[in-house]
């Protein structure tokens, strides 16, 4: 009887030590998430109901920031620009990435070199990328206008025209985003067993049929991942618009996105409470779209 009690106490002590060790190991992550993510999020949510001065002293004003926000015409223009950006760049980037990943997954020479070349834009500093593309799109001496003039086409000031500036930013976003998606999709393709392709070939399926009947269904979880990250990243676009179009550009307000609008109000004008309301609005949109994707993925994502 006594031996059983001692054994039970020993086991309980060991379990307690395991629990303590587990909490010690996860403590740095939990503290980091709490300090840099959870607390700022909660503080930002609280600030959206307050008027906040430059010393972060908050004065509660209820829903006034949200009333002002939904009456602001710039909100709807920024929202429309954001949705344009996301709807155009995300599917095109995934489609191009899927095509390139398929080519790199085939038996070609120098695959590692091509992978490095395609991935380079993803690890290049956004400032450097923006400077290069800004030179290409320059209306006076840009490479693009020089190229078009060869064919007798008159160029234009691409980044100073409200009708074209946002689309130029989209081109840069697609170019710089393809490399990352290619690596992710290629990794997913290489995880597909060759036995599926062998079985499909025995049934008389060609390369195109194999792609649509084998590759795409088996790759759907990876495609879903890059779709989710692409949409979230698209809603958070800031640096490319800020660098390419420029804050001093007369059309900057016309092509701004929600994230840019948040930056201008929070960091340039000092309207921190109003900026917090913008970020909460943007968070709700991203959360709603993400939930829709998580619900919809059950119909097309294959985890078998």
Protein backbone atom coordinates (compact mmCIF):
# COMPACT_ATOMS: atom_id res chain seq x y z
CA UNK A 1 0.00 0.00 0.00
CA UNK A 2 2.77 2.42 0.96
CA UNK A 3 4.80 1.51 -2.13
CA UNK A 4 1.80 2.34 -4.35
CA UNK A 5 1.39 5.72 -2.70
CA UNK A 6 5.11 6.52 -3.10
CA UNK A 7 5.02 5.47 -6.77
CA UNK A 8 1.94 7.63 -7.37
CA UNK A 9 3.65 10.64 -5.78
CA UNK A 10 6.81 10.02 -7.83
CA UNK A 11 4.84 9.89 -11.08
CA UNK A 12 2.98 13.07 -10.16
CA UNK A 13 6.24 14.84 -9.40
CA UNK A 14 7.71 13.76 -12.74
CA UNK A 15 4.64 15.01 -14.57
CA UNK A 16 4.89 18.29 -12.70
CA UNK A 17 8.50 18.67 -13.78
CA UNK A 18 7.55 17.93 -17.38
CA UNK A 19 4.87 20.60 -17.24
CA UNK A 20 7.30 23.12 -15.78
CA UNK A 21 9.90 22.29 -18.43
CA UNK A 22 7.30 22.68 -21.17
CA UNK A 23 6.20 26.08 -19.90
CA UNK A 24 9.82 27.22 -19.65
CA UNK A 25 10.47 26.25 -23.27
CA UNK A 26 7.39 28.00 -24.66
CA UNK A 27 7.71 31.04 -22.38
CA UNK A 28 9.97 33.06 -24.75
CA UNK A 29 7.54 32.55 -27.64
CA UNK A 30 4.48 33.37 -25.53
CA UNK A 31 6.15 36.49 -24.10
CA UNK A 32 7.25 37.59 -27.57
CA UNK A 33 3.78 37.10 -29.04
CA UNK A 34 2.17 38.88 -26.11
CA UNK A 35 4.50 41.88 -26.22
CA UNK A 36 4.77 42.34 -29.99
CA UNK A 37 1.39 41.06 -31.25
CA UNK A 38 -1.37 40.53 -28.70
CA UNK A 39 -0.83 43.67 -26.58
CA UNK A 40 -0.39 46.03 -29.58
CA UNK A 41 -3.54 44.56 -31.14
CA UNK A 42 -5.59 45.10 -27.98
CA UNK A 43 -4.12 48.58 -27.52
CA UNK A 44 -4.88 49.45 -31.13
CA UNK A 45 -8.47 48.26 -30.73
CA UNK A 46 -8.87 50.41 -27.62
CA UNK A 47 -7.30 53.42 -29.32
CA UNK A 48 -9.90 53.20 -32.10
CA UNK A 49 -12.51 54.38 -29.55
CA UNK A 50 -10.32 57.22 -28.31
CA UNK A 51 -8.71 60.45 -29.37
CA UNK A 52 -5.00 59.82 -28.85
CA UNK A 53 -2.39 62.57 -28.62
CA UNK A 54 1.30 62.28 -29.51
CA UNK A 55 2.11 61.06 -25.97
CA UNK A 56 -0.37 58.15 -26.35
CA UNK A 57 -2.75 59.70 -23.82
CA UNK A 58 -6.20 58.46 -24.80
CA UNK A 59 -9.48 60.32 -24.35
CA UNK A 60 -12.55 58.13 -24.82
CA UNK A 61 -14.86 59.38 -27.59
CA UNK A 62 -16.90 56.26 -28.31
CA UNK A 63 -17.71 55.58 -31.97
CA UNK A 64 -16.72 59.01 -33.26
CA UNK A 65 -13.64 57.68 -35.10
CA UNK A 66 -15.76 55.09 -36.88
CA UNK A 67 -18.45 57.64 -37.78
CA UNK A 68 -15.77 59.88 -39.23
CA UNK A 69 -14.19 56.92 -41.02
CA UNK A 70 -17.33 55.75 -42.81
CA UNK A 71 -18.11 59.33 -43.84
CA UNK A 72 -14.63 59.77 -45.31
CA UNK A 73 -14.64 59.45 -49.10
CA UNK A 74 -10.96 58.54 -49.01
CA UNK A 75 -11.87 55.31 -47.19
CA UNK A 76 -13.95 53.97 -50.05
CA UNK A 77 -11.40 55.01 -52.66
CA UNK A 78 -8.62 53.33 -50.65
CA UNK A 79 -10.78 50.23 -50.16
CA UNK A 80 -11.47 50.03 -53.88
CA UNK A 81 -7.77 50.44 -54.68
CA UNK A 82 -6.90 47.72 -52.16
CA UNK A 83 -9.42 45.27 -53.62
CA UNK A 84 -8.22 46.04 -57.14
CA UNK A 85 -4.67 45.36 -56.08
CA UNK A 86 -5.55 42.08 -54.35
CA UNK A 87 -7.91 40.76 -57.02
CA UNK A 88 -5.47 41.43 -59.86
CA UNK A 89 -2.09 40.63 -58.35
CA UNK A 90 -2.91 37.49 -56.34
CA UNK A 91 -4.35 35.21 -59.07
CA UNK A 92 -1.88 36.41 -61.72
CA UNK A 93 1.08 35.86 -59.39
CA UNK A 94 -0.12 32.36 -58.50
CA UNK A 95 -0.80 31.46 -62.15
CA UNK A 96 2.66 32.60 -63.31
CA UNK A 97 4.31 30.95 -60.31
CA UNK A 98 2.49 27.68 -61.02
CA UNK A 99 3.61 27.75 -64.65
CA UNK A 100 7.25 28.42 -63.77
CA UNK A 101 7.23 25.85 -60.96
CA UNK A 102 5.91 23.25 -63.41
CA UNK A 103 8.74 24.00 -65.82
CA UNK A 104 11.34 23.84 -63.05
CA UNK A 105 9.90 20.53 -61.87
CA UNK A 106 10.62 18.95 -65.24
CA UNK A 107 13.95 17.45 -66.28
CA UNK A 108 15.87 20.51 -67.51
CA UNK A 109 19.49 21.46 -67.09
CA UNK A 110 20.50 24.16 -64.61
CA UNK A 111 17.36 23.94 -62.48
CA UNK A 112 19.17 25.19 -59.38
CA UNK A 113 20.40 28.27 -61.27
CA UNK A 114 16.90 29.09 -62.51
CA UNK A 115 15.48 28.65 -59.02
CA UNK A 116 18.02 31.11 -57.65
CA UNK A 117 17.29 33.63 -60.40
CA UNK A 118 13.53 33.51 -59.84
CA UNK A 119 13.91 33.72 -56.08
CA UNK A 120 16.27 36.72 -56.08
CA UNK A 121 13.51 39.39 -56.30
CA UNK A 122 11.93 37.95 -53.15
CA UNK A 123 15.05 38.56 -51.08
CA UNK A 124 16.01 41.88 -52.67
CA UNK A 125 15.35 45.00 -50.60
CA UNK A 126 12.05 46.70 -51.59
CA UNK A 127 13.84 50.05 -51.77
CA UNK A 128 16.29 48.73 -54.38
CA UNK A 129 13.46 47.15 -56.37
CA UNK A 130 11.45 50.37 -56.29
CA UNK A 131 14.39 52.48 -57.45
CA UNK A 132 15.03 50.22 -60.45
CA UNK A 133 11.38 50.08 -61.50
CA UNK A 134 10.95 53.79 -60.91
CA UNK A 135 13.71 54.36 -63.44
CA UNK A 136 12.02 51.96 -65.90
CA UNK A 137 8.64 53.75 -65.60
CA UNK A 138 10.10 57.27 -65.68
CA UNK A 139 8.12 59.45 -68.09
CA UNK A 140 11.12 61.44 -69.37
CA UNK A 141 13.97 58.95 -69.74
CA UNK A 142 12.50 55.63 -68.68
CA UNK A 143 13.42 52.37 -70.39
CA UNK A 144 9.76 51.48 -70.97
CA UNK A 145 9.02 54.64 -72.95
CA UNK A 146 12.24 54.22 -74.93
CA UNK A 147 11.20 50.67 -75.81
CA UNK A 148 7.70 51.76 -76.85
CA UNK A 149 9.09 54.56 -79.03
CA UNK A 150 10.82 51.94 -81.18
CA UNK A 151 7.36 50.75 -82.25
CA UNK A 152 6.05 54.28 -82.68
CA UNK A 153 4.04 54.21 -79.46
CA UNK A 154 4.03 57.40 -77.42
CA UNK A 155 5.01 56.90 -73.81
CA UNK A 156 3.55 58.57 -70.78
CA UNK A 157 4.34 59.44 -67.18
CA UNK A 158 3.26 56.07 -65.83
CA UNK A 159 3.73 56.86 -62.15
CA UNK A 160 2.27 60.37 -62.33
CA UNK A 161 -0.98 59.35 -63.99
CA UNK A 162 -3.78 58.24 -61.65
CA UNK A 163 -5.09 55.91 -64.38
CA UNK A 164 -1.86 53.91 -64.64
CA UNK A 165 0.15 54.38 -61.42
CA UNK A 166 -1.57 51.64 -59.40
CA UNK A 167 -1.25 49.17 -62.27
CA UNK A 168 2.47 49.87 -62.50
CA UNK A 169 2.73 49.06 -58.80
CA UNK A 170 0.87 45.82 -59.50
CA UNK A 171 3.37 44.84 -62.18
CA UNK A 172 6.21 45.28 -59.71
CA UNK A 173 4.32 43.32 -57.05
CA UNK A 174 3.74 40.40 -59.43
CA UNK A 175 7.38 40.42 -60.57
CA UNK A 176 8.74 40.45 -57.04
CA UNK A 177 6.19 37.97 -55.64
CA UNK A 178 6.55 35.19 -58.19
CA UNK A 179 9.88 33.88 -56.85
CA UNK A 180 8.60 33.11 -53.35
CA UNK A 181 5.52 31.33 -54.66
CA UNK A 182 7.61 29.34 -57.13
CA UNK A 183 9.75 27.92 -54.32
CA UNK A 184 6.69 26.99 -52.24
CA UNK A 185 4.81 25.43 -55.17
CA UNK A 186 7.90 23.60 -56.38
CA UNK A 187 8.37 22.08 -52.94
CA UNK A 188 4.75 20.94 -53.04
CA UNK A 189 5.18 19.40 -56.50
CA UNK A 190 8.26 17.48 -55.44
CA UNK A 191 6.27 16.01 -52.57
CA UNK A 192 3.81 14.35 -54.97
CA UNK A 193 4.59 10.67 -55.43
CA UNK A 194 5.66 9.67 -58.94
CA UNK A 195 3.43 6.60 -58.70
CA UNK A 196 0.40 8.82 -59.40
CA UNK A 197 1.92 9.98 -62.67
CA UNK A 198 2.94 6.45 -63.61
CA UNK A 199 -0.59 5.21 -63.01
CA UNK A 200 -2.04 8.10 -65.01
CA UNK A 201 0.40 7.41 -67.88
CA UNK A 202 -0.67 3.75 -67.93
CA UNK A 203 -4.26 4.93 -68.30
CA UNK A 204 -3.21 6.94 -71.35
CA UNK A 205 -3.15 10.41 -69.75
CA UNK A 206 -0.89 12.94 -71.42
CA UNK A 207 1.16 15.67 -69.79
CA UNK A 208 -1.70 18.20 -69.79
CA UNK A 209 -4.20 15.71 -68.42
CA UNK A 210 -1.74 14.67 -65.72
CA UNK A 211 -1.29 18.30 -64.74
CA UNK A 212 -5.02 18.94 -64.28
CA UNK A 213 -5.97 15.53 -62.91
CA UNK A 214 -2.94 14.77 -60.74
CA UNK A 215 -0.76 17.82 -60.10
CA UNK A 216 -3.44 20.40 -59.36
CA UNK A 217 -5.54 18.23 -56.99
CA UNK A 218 -2.47 17.01 -55.10
CA UNK A 219 -1.02 20.53 -55.02
CA UNK A 220 -4.25 22.18 -53.82
CA UNK A 221 -3.13 22.50 -50.14
CA UNK A 222 0.01 24.34 -51.25
CA UNK A 223 -1.99 26.54 -53.64
CA UNK A 224 -4.36 27.31 -50.79
CA UNK A 225 -1.42 28.36 -48.61
CA UNK A 226 0.03 30.77 -51.19
CA UNK A 227 -3.50 32.07 -51.87
CA UNK A 228 -4.06 32.89 -48.20
CA UNK A 229 -0.65 34.51 -47.74
CA UNK A 230 -0.98 36.36 -51.05
CA UNK A 231 -4.34 37.87 -50.15
CA UNK A 232 -3.22 38.91 -46.68
CA UNK A 233 -0.01 40.39 -48.10
CA UNK A 234 -1.99 42.21 -50.78
CA UNK A 235 -4.20 43.91 -48.20
CA UNK A 236 -1.11 45.03 -46.33
CA UNK A 237 0.68 46.57 -49.33
CA UNK A 238 2.49 49.78 -48.44
CA UNK A 239 6.17 50.03 -49.31
CA UNK A 240 5.86 49.66 -53.10
CA UNK A 241 3.20 52.39 -53.35
CA UNK A 242 5.10 54.65 -50.99
CA UNK A 243 8.38 54.21 -52.87
CA UNK A 244 7.17 54.08 -56.47
CA UNK A 245 4.46 56.72 -56.49
CA UNK A 246 5.97 58.92 -53.77
CA UNK A 247 4.31 60.85 -50.97
CA UNK A 248 4.88 64.16 -52.82
CA UNK A 249 3.15 62.94 -55.97
CA UNK A 250 -0.13 64.87 -56.60
CA UNK A 251 -1.94 61.61 -57.35
CA UNK A 252 -0.71 59.81 -54.23
CA UNK A 253 -4.03 60.17 -52.42
CA UNK A 254 -5.91 58.79 -55.44
CA UNK A 255 -3.89 55.56 -55.55
CA UNK A 256 -3.46 54.99 -51.81
CA UNK A 257 -4.57 51.71 -50.26
CA UNK A 258 -5.98 51.12 -46.79
CA UNK A 259 -2.54 50.47 -45.32
CA UNK A 260 -1.18 53.66 -46.85
CA UNK A 261 -4.18 55.58 -45.55
CA UNK A 262 -3.50 54.15 -42.08
CA UNK A 263 0.15 55.26 -42.28
CA UNK A 264 -0.69 58.78 -43.40
CA UNK A 265 -3.21 59.39 -40.64
CA UNK A 266 -1.27 57.67 -37.88
CA UNK A 267 2.33 58.69 -38.57
CA UNK A 268 2.13 61.78 -40.77
CA UNK A 269 -0.89 63.61 -39.37
CA UNK A 270 -0.78 62.19 -35.83
CA UNK A 271 -4.42 61.04 -35.81
CA UNK A 272 -3.65 57.83 -33.94
CA UNK A 273 -7.19 57.08 -32.84
CA UNK A 274 -8.53 57.54 -36.37
CA UNK A 275 -5.68 55.46 -37.79
CA UNK A 276 -6.50 52.70 -35.30
CA UNK A 277 -10.07 52.67 -36.58
CA UNK A 278 -8.73 52.25 -40.13
CA UNK A 279 -6.56 49.31 -39.08
CA UNK A 280 -9.50 47.64 -37.27
CA UNK A 281 -11.60 48.07 -40.41
CA UNK A 282 -8.84 46.51 -42.48
CA UNK A 283 -8.44 43.66 -39.96
CA UNK A 284 -12.16 42.86 -40.15
CA UNK A 285 -12.01 42.69 -43.96
CA UNK A 286 -8.99 40.37 -43.91
CA UNK A 287 -10.57 38.19 -41.22
CA UNK A 288 -13.86 37.93 -43.14
CA UNK A 289 -12.13 36.95 -46.39
CA UNK A 290 -9.89 34.46 -44.57
CA UNK A 291 -12.91 32.82 -42.92
CA UNK A 292 -14.63 32.56 -46.31
CA UNK A 293 -11.52 30.90 -47.71
CA UNK A 294 -11.30 28.45 -44.82
CA UNK A 295 -14.92 27.51 -45.38
CA UNK A 296 -14.61 27.33 -49.16
CA UNK A 297 -11.37 25.31 -49.17
CA UNK A 298 -13.31 22.25 -48.03
CA UNK A 299 -14.79 22.04 -51.53
CA UNK A 300 -11.58 22.22 -53.58
CA UNK A 301 -8.57 21.49 -51.36
CA UNK A 302 -7.54 17.83 -51.33
CA UNK A 303 -5.69 16.69 -48.19
CA UNK A 304 -5.65 12.99 -49.08
